[in-house]
Amino acid sequence: MIHPQAIVDPSARLAEDVEVGPWTLIGPDVEIGAGTRIASHVVIKGPTRIGEGNRIFQFATIGEDCQDKKYAGEPTRLEIGDHNVIREGCTIHRGTVQDEGITRIGSHNLLMAYAHVAHDCVMGDHIILANNAALAGHVRVGDHAILGGFTAVHQFCRIGAHVMCGAGTVVLMDIPAYVMATGNSARPYGINQEGLRRRGFDAEAVSALRRAYKIIYRKGLTVDLALQELRAMAQTQPAVQLLIESLESSTRGIIR
């Protein structure tokens, strides 16, 4: 399953059915799980672990040294889960010792062409990064988030689960869970109702989240005061708890 014109380091650990196309380079300390298909002209450097059933398209660069000027060749890592699609020209860098030393990408994600995931990023599951979306270092993205094409996320920002960013969004502060955002810089535009409906949220949960959004963005409350009201809501509306957690974990402040 390995093309004779591919270069695979003898120490790399590939499952028996992994496919590797011509002119692809796989370096030492790389582990690739069963069912993964790698096209031509891909570069994968270690230490990197890639799970099962992934598809990696041509000219992607995975596990490269990061672009942080403080990086001095320390042995940092990249971990990628299962059943991800990584399209043409994507770049994914390993972590730095200034953080946890690891970049993590979960499972069932789609990284469209030329998306960039910088050092120390943590991505959950079922995320879409559209063409040319870029995550700076230390960014965290929650499950089911969608970042439109050419979205740029500032370092250390947190994007909550089920967030939807429009094309060309510039994210300079944290985006709470469930929120739709767009603009330069990003501003909130309500709850991602259509995305929630597609993922099985019932009408009652969506209605509760709309009320929660108004508490945060329409009542003129500080985040601390809004959290007090949201915690009371969460006792009868479990979906609100995820929104609470995204607000509590914010380190840069939320978009307004």
C-alpha atoms as a PDB file:
ATOM      1  CA  MET A   1       0.000   0.000   0.000  1.00  0.00           C
ATOM      2  CA  ILE A   2       3.085   2.247   0.090  1.00  0.00           C
ATOM      3  CA  HIS A   3       4.063   3.640  -3.314  1.00  0.00           C
ATOM      4  CA  PRO A   4       7.667   2.826  -4.227  1.00  0.00           C
ATOM      5  CA  GLN A   5       8.412   6.505  -4.757  1.00  0.00           C
ATOM      6  CA  ALA A   6       7.285   7.427  -1.225  1.00  0.00           C
ATOM      7  CA  ILE A   7       9.947   7.928   1.459  1.00  0.00           C
ATOM      8  CA  VAL A   8       9.004   6.359   4.798  1.00  0.00           C
ATOM      9  CA  ASP A   9      11.473   6.354   7.666  1.00  0.00           C
ATOM     10  CA  PRO A  10      12.127   2.792   8.915  1.00  0.00           C
ATOM     11  CA  SER A  11      11.156   3.810  12.449  1.00  0.00           C
ATOM     12  CA  ALA A  12       7.710   5.119  11.418  1.00  0.00           C
ATOM     13  CA  ARG A  13       4.862   2.840  12.541  1.00  0.00           C
ATOM     14  CA  LEU A  14       2.162   2.421   9.913  1.00  0.00           C
ATOM     15  CA  ALA A  15      -0.762  -0.004  10.108  1.00  0.00           C
ATOM     16  CA  GLU A  16      -0.657  -2.661   7.392  1.00  0.00           C
ATOM     17  CA  ASP A  17      -3.457  -1.152   5.302  1.00  0.00           C
ATOM     18  CA  VAL A  18      -2.274   2.470   5.336  1.00  0.00           C
ATOM     19  CA  GLU A  19      -2.030   3.904   1.809  1.00  0.00           C
ATOM     20  CA  VAL A  20       0.834   6.269   0.985  1.00  0.00           C
ATOM     21  CA  GLY A  21       1.073   8.005  -2.390  1.00  0.00           C
ATOM     22  CA  PRO A  22       4.178   8.829  -4.439  1.00  0.00           C
ATOM     23  CA  TRP A  23       6.616  11.559  -3.398  1.00  0.00           C
ATOM     24  CA  THR A  24       5.225  11.612   0.126  1.00  0.00           C
ATOM     25  CA  LEU A  25       7.686  11.899   3.024  1.00  0.00           C
ATOM     26  CA  ILE A  26       6.968  10.294   6.409  1.00  0.00           C
ATOM     27  CA  GLY A  27       9.652  10.920   8.992  1.00  0.00           C
ATOM     28  CA  PRO A  28      10.737   9.182  12.189  1.00  0.00           C
ATOM     29  CA  ASP A  29       8.521   8.957  15.286  1.00  0.00           C
ATOM     30  CA  VAL A  30       5.320   8.969  13.243  1.00  0.00           C
ATOM     31  CA  GLU A  31       2.464   6.557  13.977  1.00  0.00           C
ATOM     32  CA  ILE A  32      -0.472   6.158  11.567  1.00  0.00           C
ATOM     33  CA  GLY A  33      -3.556   4.056  12.281  1.00  0.00           C
ATOM     34  CA  ALA A  34      -5.482   1.574  10.166  1.00  0.00           C
ATOM     35  CA  GLY A  35      -7.449   2.666   7.144  1.00  0.00           C
ATOM     36  CA  THR A  36      -5.722   6.026   6.729  1.00  0.00           C
ATOM     37  CA  ARG A  37      -5.101   7.137   3.143  1.00  0.00           C
ATOM     38  CA  ILE A  38      -2.335   9.612   2.342  1.00  0.00           C
ATOM     39  CA  ALA A  39      -2.078  11.145  -1.122  1.00  0.00           C
ATOM     40  CA  SER A  40       1.046  12.200  -3.005  1.00  0.00           C
ATOM     41  CA  HIS A  41       3.384  15.045  -2.008  1.00  0.00           C
ATOM     42  CA  VAL A  42       2.424  14.992   1.689  1.00  0.00           C
ATOM     43  CA  VAL A  43       5.004  15.696   4.426  1.00  0.00           C
ATOM     44  CA  ILE A  44       4.452  14.179   7.886  1.00  0.00           C
ATOM     45  CA  LYS A  45       7.058  14.764  10.592  1.00  0.00           C
ATOM     46  CA  GLY A  46       7.180  13.511  14.160  1.00  0.00           C
ATOM     47  CA  PRO A  47       6.644  13.126  16.923  1.00  0.00           C
ATOM     48  CA  THR A  48       3.147  12.718  15.457  1.00  0.00           C
ATOM     49  CA  ARG A  49       0.344  10.237  16.038  1.00  0.00           C
ATOM     50  CA  ILE A  50      -2.488   9.967  13.489  1.00  0.00           C
ATOM     51  CA  GLY A  51      -5.448   7.691  14.229  1.00  0.00           C
ATOM     52  CA  GLU A  52      -7.595   5.472  12.055  1.00  0.00           C
ATOM     53  CA  GLY A  53      -9.580   6.167   8.914  1.00  0.00           C
ATOM     54  CA  ASN A  54      -8.132   9.583   8.130  1.00  0.00           C
ATOM     55  CA  ARG A  55      -7.765  10.944   4.613  1.00  0.00           C
ATOM     56  CA  ILE A  56      -4.931  13.350   3.880  1.00  0.00           C
ATOM     57  CA  PHE A  57      -4.758  15.077   0.521  1.00  0.00           C
ATOM     58  CA  GLN A  58      -1.788  16.219  -1.532  1.00  0.00           C
ATOM     59  CA  PHE A  59       0.612  18.936  -0.393  1.00  0.00           C
ATOM     60  CA  ALA A  60      -0.522  18.882   3.234  1.00  0.00           C
ATOM     61  CA  THR A  61       2.256  19.418   5.801  1.00  0.00           C
ATOM     62  CA  ILE A  62       1.606  17.751   9.140  1.00  0.00           C
ATOM     63  CA  GLY A  63       3.713  17.755  12.295  1.00  0.00           C
ATOM     64  CA  GLU A  64       6.174  20.401  11.156  1.00  0.00           C
ATOM     65  CA  ASP A  65       8.146  22.577  13.586  1.00  0.00           C
ATOM     66  CA  CYS A  66       6.006  25.507  14.686  1.00  0.00           C
ATOM     67  CA  GLN A  67       6.497  29.142  13.664  1.00  0.00           C
ATOM     68  CA  ASP A  68       6.764  30.441  17.234  1.00  0.00           C
ATOM     69  CA  LYS A  69      10.056  32.350  17.488  1.00  0.00           C
ATOM     70  CA  LYS A  70      10.586  30.906  20.968  1.00  0.00           C
ATOM     71  CA  TYR A  71      10.676  27.369  19.590  1.00  0.00           C
ATOM     72  CA  ALA A  72      14.209  25.975  19.877  1.00  0.00           C
ATOM     73  CA  GLY A  73      13.838  22.426  18.590  1.00  0.00           C
ATOM     74  CA  GLU A  74      12.290  20.872  21.696  1.00  0.00           C
ATOM     75  CA  PRO A  75      10.638  17.434  21.197  1.00  0.00           C
ATOM     76  CA  THR A  76       6.977  18.458  21.065  1.00  0.00           C
ATOM     77  CA  ARG A  77       4.050  16.455  19.681  1.00  0.00           C
ATOM     78  CA  LEU A  78       1.013  16.407  17.417  1.00  0.00           C
ATOM     79  CA  GLU A  79      -1.943  14.070  17.951  1.00  0.00           C
ATOM     80  CA  ILE A  80      -4.765  13.630  15.429  1.00  0.00           C
ATOM     81  CA  GLY A  81      -7.793  11.413  16.070  1.00  0.00           C
ATOM     82  CA  ASP A  82      -9.873   9.270  13.720  1.00  0.00           C
ATOM     83  CA  HIS A  83     -11.834   9.836  10.509  1.00  0.00           C
ATOM     84  CA  ASN A  84     -10.620  13.337   9.779  1.00  0.00           C
ATOM     85  CA  VAL A  85     -10.375  14.795   6.269  1.00  0.00           C
ATOM     86  CA  ILE A  86      -7.373  17.056   5.727  1.00  0.00           C
ATOM     87  CA  ARG A  87      -7.515  18.672   2.318  1.00  0.00           C
ATOM     88  CA  GLU A  88      -4.922  20.104  -0.044  1.00  0.00           C
ATOM     89  CA  GLY A  89      -2.224  22.356   1.330  1.00  0.00           C
ATOM     90  CA  CYS A  90      -3.243  22.235   4.997  1.00  0.00           C
ATOM     91  CA  THR A  91      -0.528  22.961   7.565  1.00  0.00           C
ATOM     92  CA  ILE A  92      -0.637  21.561  11.103  1.00  0.00           C
ATOM     93  CA  HIS A  93       2.222  22.268  13.524  1.00  0.00           C
ATOM     94  CA  ARG A  94       3.403  20.567  16.688  1.00  0.00           C
ATOM     95  CA  GLY A  95       3.210  22.228  20.113  1.00  0.00           C
ATOM     96  CA  THR A  96       5.658  24.212  22.227  1.00  0.00           C
ATOM     97  CA  VAL A  97       7.091  23.692  25.694  1.00  0.00           C
ATOM     98  CA  GLN A  98       5.650  27.066  26.687  1.00  0.00           C
ATOM     99  CA  ASP A  99       2.250  25.325  26.677  1.00  0.00           C
ATOM    100  CA  GLU A 100       1.596  21.578  27.109  1.00  0.00           C
ATOM    101  CA  GLY A 101       3.997  20.641  24.319  1.00  0.00           C
ATOM    102  CA  ILE A 102       1.268  19.189  22.120  1.00  0.00           C
ATOM    103  CA  THR A 103      -1.198  20.153  19.394  1.00  0.00           C
ATOM    104  CA  ARG A 104      -4.402  18.083  19.479  1.00  0.00           C
ATOM    105  CA  ILE A 105      -7.050  17.507  16.819  1.00  0.00           C
ATOM    106  CA  GLY A 106     -10.003  15.262  17.632  1.00  0.00           C
ATOM    107  CA  SER A 107     -12.067  13.093  15.289  1.00  0.00           C
ATOM    108  CA  HIS A 108     -14.490  13.525  12.387  1.00  0.00           C
ATOM    109  CA  ASN A 109     -13.181  16.966  11.474  1.00  0.00           C
ATOM    110  CA  LEU A 110     -12.960  18.536   8.027  1.00  0.00           C
ATOM    111  CA  LEU A 111     -10.052  20.861   7.304  1.00  0.00           C
ATOM    112  CA  MET A 112     -10.635  22.318   3.864  1.00  0.00           C
ATOM    113  CA  ALA A 113      -7.872  23.411   1.514  1.00  0.00           C
ATOM    114  CA  TYR A 114      -5.080  25.575   2.947  1.00  0.00           C
ATOM    115  CA  ALA A 115      -6.435  25.661   6.493  1.00  0.00           C
ATOM    116  CA  HIS A 116      -3.779  26.259   9.161  1.00  0.00           C
ATOM    117  CA  VAL A 117      -3.652  24.869  12.707  1.00  0.00           C
ATOM    118  CA  ALA A 118      -0.795  26.421  14.664  1.00  0.00           C
ATOM    119  CA  HIS A 119       1.161  25.158  17.648  1.00  0.00           C
ATOM    120  CA  ASP A 120      -0.634  24.142  20.851  1.00  0.00           C
ATOM    121  CA  CYS A 121      -4.122  24.371  19.359  1.00  0.00           C
ATOM    122  CA  VAL A 122      -6.782  22.028  20.717  1.00  0.00           C
ATOM    123  CA  MET A 123      -9.649  21.084  18.394  1.00  0.00           C
ATOM    124  CA  GLY A 124     -12.570  18.907  19.401  1.00  0.00           C
ATOM    125  CA  ASP A 125     -14.718  16.722  17.136  1.00  0.00           C
ATOM    126  CA  HIS A 126     -16.969  17.355  14.108  1.00  0.00           C
ATOM    127  CA  ILE A 127     -15.384  20.749  13.382  1.00  0.00           C
ATOM    128  CA  ILE A 128     -15.195  22.359   9.937  1.00  0.00           C
ATOM    129  CA  LEU A 129     -12.433  24.787   8.999  1.00  0.00           C
ATOM    130  CA  ALA A 130     -13.368  26.122   5.572  1.00  0.00           C
ATOM    131  CA  ASN A 131     -10.794  27.086   2.956  1.00  0.00           C
ATOM    132  CA  ASN A 132      -7.939  29.242   4.279  1.00  0.00           C
ATOM    133  CA  ALA A 133      -9.271  29.404   7.841  1.00  0.00           C
ATOM    134  CA  ALA A 134      -6.328  29.926  10.196  1.00  0.00           C
ATOM    135  CA  LEU A 135      -5.891  29.242  13.901  1.00  0.00           C
ATOM    136  CA  ALA A 136      -3.004  31.029  15.624  1.00  0.00           C
ATOM    137  CA  GLY A 137      -1.165  29.404  18.517  1.00  0.00           C
ATOM    138  CA  HIS A 138      -2.916  28.128  21.650  1.00  0.00           C
ATOM    139  CA  VAL A 139      -6.436  28.427  20.173  1.00  0.00           C
ATOM    140  CA  ARG A 140      -9.164  26.075  21.422  1.00  0.00           C
ATOM    141  CA  VAL A 141     -12.158  25.122  19.273  1.00  0.00           C
ATOM    142  CA  GLY A 142     -15.175  23.242  20.630  1.00  0.00           C
ATOM    143  CA  ASP A 143     -17.118  20.398  19.039  1.00  0.00           C
ATOM    144  CA  HIS A 144     -19.286  21.092  15.966  1.00  0.00           C
ATOM    145  CA  ALA A 145     -17.888  24.593  15.418  1.00  0.00           C
ATOM    146  CA  ILE A 146     -17.769  25.865  11.828  1.00  0.00           C
ATOM    147  CA  LEU A 147     -15.289  28.537  10.738  1.00  0.00           C
ATOM    148  CA  GLY A 148     -16.014  30.097   7.370  1.00  0.00           C
ATOM    149  CA  GLY A 149     -13.410  30.613   4.685  1.00  0.00           C
ATOM    150  CA  PHE A 150     -10.570  33.030   5.486  1.00  0.00           C
ATOM    151  CA  THR A 151     -11.537  33.189   9.171  1.00  0.00           C
ATOM    152  CA  ALA A 152      -8.524  34.256  11.249  1.00  0.00           C
ATOM    153  CA  VAL A 153      -8.376  33.468  14.963  1.00  0.00           C
ATOM    154  CA  HIS A 154      -5.983  35.346  17.277  1.00  0.00           C
ATOM    155  CA  GLN A 155      -3.726  33.349  19.570  1.00  0.00           C
ATOM    156  CA  PHE A 156      -5.172  32.107  22.876  1.00  0.00           C
ATOM    157  CA  CYS A 157      -8.783  32.648  21.745  1.00  0.00           C
ATOM    158  CA  ARG A 158     -11.461  30.097  22.595  1.00  0.00           C
ATOM    159  CA  ILE A 159     -14.280  29.242  20.220  1.00  0.00           C
ATOM    160  CA  GLY A 160     -17.149  27.418  21.897  1.00  0.00           C
ATOM    161  CA  ALA A 161     -19.008  24.356  20.713  1.00  0.00           C
ATOM    162  CA  HIS A 162     -21.623  24.800  17.955  1.00  0.00           C
ATOM    163  CA  VAL A 163     -20.273  28.256  17.022  1.00  0.00           C
ATOM    164  CA  MET A 164     -20.712  29.451  13.439  1.00  0.00           C
ATOM    165  CA  CYS A 165     -18.304  32.073  12.027  1.00  0.00           C
ATOM    166  CA  GLY A 166     -19.031  33.762   8.721  1.00  0.00           C
ATOM    167  CA  ALA A 167     -16.452  33.986   5.968  1.00  0.00           C
ATOM    168  CA  GLY A 168     -13.634  36.431   6.583  1.00  0.00           C
ATOM    169  CA  THR A 169     -14.284  36.721  10.314  1.00  0.00           C
ATOM    170  CA  VAL A 170     -11.427  38.085  12.437  1.00  0.00           C
ATOM    171  CA  VAL A 171     -11.655  36.611  15.941  1.00  0.00           C
ATOM    172  CA  LEU A 172      -9.804  38.662  18.566  1.00  0.00           C
ATOM    173  CA  MET A 173     -11.754  37.580  21.657  1.00  0.00           C
ATOM    174  CA  ASP A 174     -13.542  34.423  22.809  1.00  0.00           C
ATOM    175  CA  ILE A 175     -16.817  33.318  21.214  1.00  0.00           C
ATOM    176  CA  PRO A 176     -19.267  31.639  23.615  1.00  0.00           C
ATOM    177  CA  ALA A 177     -20.850  28.318  22.708  1.00  0.00           C
ATOM    178  CA  TYR A 178     -23.773  28.305  20.243  1.00  0.00           C
ATOM    179  CA  VAL A 179     -23.157  31.869  19.006  1.00  0.00           C
ATOM    180  CA  MET A 180     -23.052  33.025  15.381  1.00  0.00           C
ATOM    181  CA  ALA A 181     -20.371  35.618  14.686  1.00  0.00           C
ATOM    182  CA  THR A 182     -18.936  37.520  11.769  1.00  0.00           C
ATOM    183  CA  GLY A 183     -17.045  40.701  10.970  1.00  0.00           C
ATOM    184  CA  ASN A 184     -13.670  42.352  11.512  1.00  0.00           C
ATOM    185  CA  SER A 185     -13.485  42.148  14.400  1.00  0.00           C
ATOM    186  CA  ALA A 186     -16.082  39.474  15.163  1.00  0.00           C
ATOM    187  CA  ARG A 187     -19.441  40.515  16.569  1.00  0.00           C
ATOM    188  CA  PRO A 188     -22.274  38.244  17.788  1.00  0.00           C
ATOM    189  CA  TYR A 189     -25.399  37.770  15.670  1.00  0.00           C
ATOM    190  CA  GLY A 190     -27.610  35.461  17.692  1.00  0.00           C
ATOM    191  CA  ILE A 191     -27.735  31.737  18.335  1.00  0.00           C
ATOM    192  CA  ASN A 192     -26.795  29.195  15.657  1.00  0.00           C
ATOM    193  CA  GLN A 193     -30.371  27.938  15.436  1.00  0.00           C
ATOM    194  CA  GLU A 194     -30.115  26.115  12.123  1.00  0.00           C
ATOM    195  CA  GLY A 195     -26.967  24.272  13.174  1.00  0.00           C
ATOM    196  CA  LEU A 196     -28.592  23.224  16.435  1.00  0.00           C
ATOM    197  CA  ARG A 197     -31.708  21.994  14.654  1.00  0.00           C
ATOM    198  CA  ARG A 198     -29.600  19.871  12.318  1.00  0.00           C
ATOM    199  CA  ARG A 199     -27.843  18.324  15.308  1.00  0.00           C
ATOM    200  CA  GLY A 200     -31.051  17.279  16.997  1.00  0.00           C
ATOM    201  CA  PHE A 201     -31.652  20.055  19.529  1.00  0.00           C
ATOM    202  CA  ASP A 202     -35.393  20.269  20.215  1.00  0.00           C
ATOM    203  CA  ALA A 203     -37.415  23.473  20.017  1.00  0.00           C
ATOM    204  CA  GLU A 204     -37.470  23.895  23.788  1.00  0.00           C
ATOM    205  CA  ALA A 205     -33.662  23.754  24.043  1.00  0.00           C
ATOM    206  CA  VAL A 206     -33.213  26.221  21.181  1.00  0.00           C
ATOM    207  CA  SER A 207     -35.738  28.587  22.749  1.00  0.00           C
ATOM    208  CA  ALA A 208     -33.872  28.400  26.064  1.00  0.00           C
ATOM    209  CA  LEU A 209     -30.587  29.198  24.344  1.00  0.00           C
ATOM    210  CA  ARG A 210     -32.142  32.193  22.618  1.00  0.00           C
ATOM    211  CA  ARG A 211     -33.230  33.492  26.015  1.00  0.00           C
ATOM    212  CA  ALA A 212     -29.741  32.820  27.366  1.00  0.00           C
ATOM    213  CA  TYR A 213     -28.237  34.816  24.499  1.00  0.00           C
ATOM    214  CA  LYS A 214     -30.452  37.790  25.378  1.00  0.00           C
ATOM    215  CA  ILE A 215     -29.316  37.594  28.994  1.00  0.00           C
ATOM    216  CA  ILE A 216     -25.678  37.874  27.860  1.00  0.00           C
ATOM    217  CA  TYR A 217     -26.063  40.382  25.043  1.00  0.00           C
ATOM    218  CA  ARG A 218     -29.312  42.332  25.468  1.00  0.00           C
ATOM    219  CA  LYS A 219     -29.700  43.092  29.185  1.00  0.00           C
ATOM    220  CA  GLY A 220     -26.524  45.113  29.685  1.00  0.00           C
ATOM    221  CA  LEU A 221     -25.215  42.733  32.345  1.00  0.00           C
ATOM    222  CA  THR A 222     -21.630  41.950  33.194  1.00  0.00           C
ATOM    223  CA  VAL A 223     -20.587  38.384  32.474  1.00  0.00           C
ATOM    224  CA  ASP A 224     -20.655  37.557  36.190  1.00  0.00           C
ATOM    225  CA  LEU A 225     -24.224  38.790  36.566  1.00  0.00           C
ATOM    226  CA  ALA A 226     -25.291  37.018  33.381  1.00  0.00           C
ATOM    227  CA  LEU A 227     -23.785  33.797  34.721  1.00  0.00           C
ATOM    228  CA  GLN A 228     -25.952  34.017  37.820  1.00  0.00           C
ATOM    229  CA  GLU A 229     -29.090  34.019  35.687  1.00  0.00           C
ATOM    230  CA  LEU A 230     -27.781  31.326  33.366  1.00  0.00           C
ATOM    231  CA  ARG A 231     -26.999  28.988  36.255  1.00  0.00           C
ATOM    232  CA  ALA A 232     -30.602  29.245  37.383  1.00  0.00           C
ATOM    233  CA  MET A 233     -31.757  28.421  33.821  1.00  0.00           C
ATOM    234  CA  ALA A 234     -29.435  25.423  33.580  1.00  0.00           C
ATOM    235  CA  GLN A 235     -31.273  23.681  36.396  1.00  0.00           C
ATOM    236  CA  THR A 236     -34.168  23.025  34.006  1.00  0.00           C
ATOM    237  CA  GLN A 237     -32.413  23.487  30.634  1.00  0.00           C
ATOM    238  CA  PRO A 238     -29.276  21.279  30.431  1.00  0.00           C
ATOM    239  CA  ALA A 239     -28.167  22.758  27.084  1.00  0.00           C
ATOM    240  CA  VAL A 240     -27.414  26.042  28.840  1.00  0.00           C
ATOM    241  CA  GLN A 241     -24.667  24.389  30.893  1.00  0.00           C
ATOM    242  CA  LEU A 242     -22.325  24.232  27.894  1.00  0.00           C
ATOM    243  CA  LEU A 243     -22.790  27.960  27.382  1.00  0.00           C
ATOM    244  CA  ILE A 244     -21.998  28.562  31.048  1.00  0.00           C
ATOM    245  CA  GLU A 245     -18.815  26.504  30.794  1.00  0.00           C
ATOM    246  CA  SER A 246     -17.625  28.463  27.752  1.00  0.00           C
ATOM    247  CA  LEU A 247     -18.136  31.740  29.590  1.00  0.00           C
ATOM    248  CA  GLU A 248     -16.400  30.494  32.731  1.00  0.00           C
ATOM    249  CA  SER A 249     -13.379  29.279  30.758  1.00  0.00           C
ATOM    250  CA  SER A 250     -12.929  32.510  28.812  1.00  0.00           C
ATOM    251  CA  THR A 251      -9.511  34.096  29.348  1.00  0.00           C
ATOM    252  CA  ARG A 252      -9.583  36.952  26.811  1.00  0.00           C
ATOM    253  CA  GLY A 253     -13.161  38.130  27.362  1.00  0.00           C
ATOM    254  CA  ILE A 254     -16.033  37.462  24.969  1.00  0.00           C
ATOM    255  CA  ILE A 255     -16.967  39.183  21.732  1.00  0.00           C
ATOM    256  CA  ARG A 256     -19.506  41.988  22.119  1.00  0.00           C
END
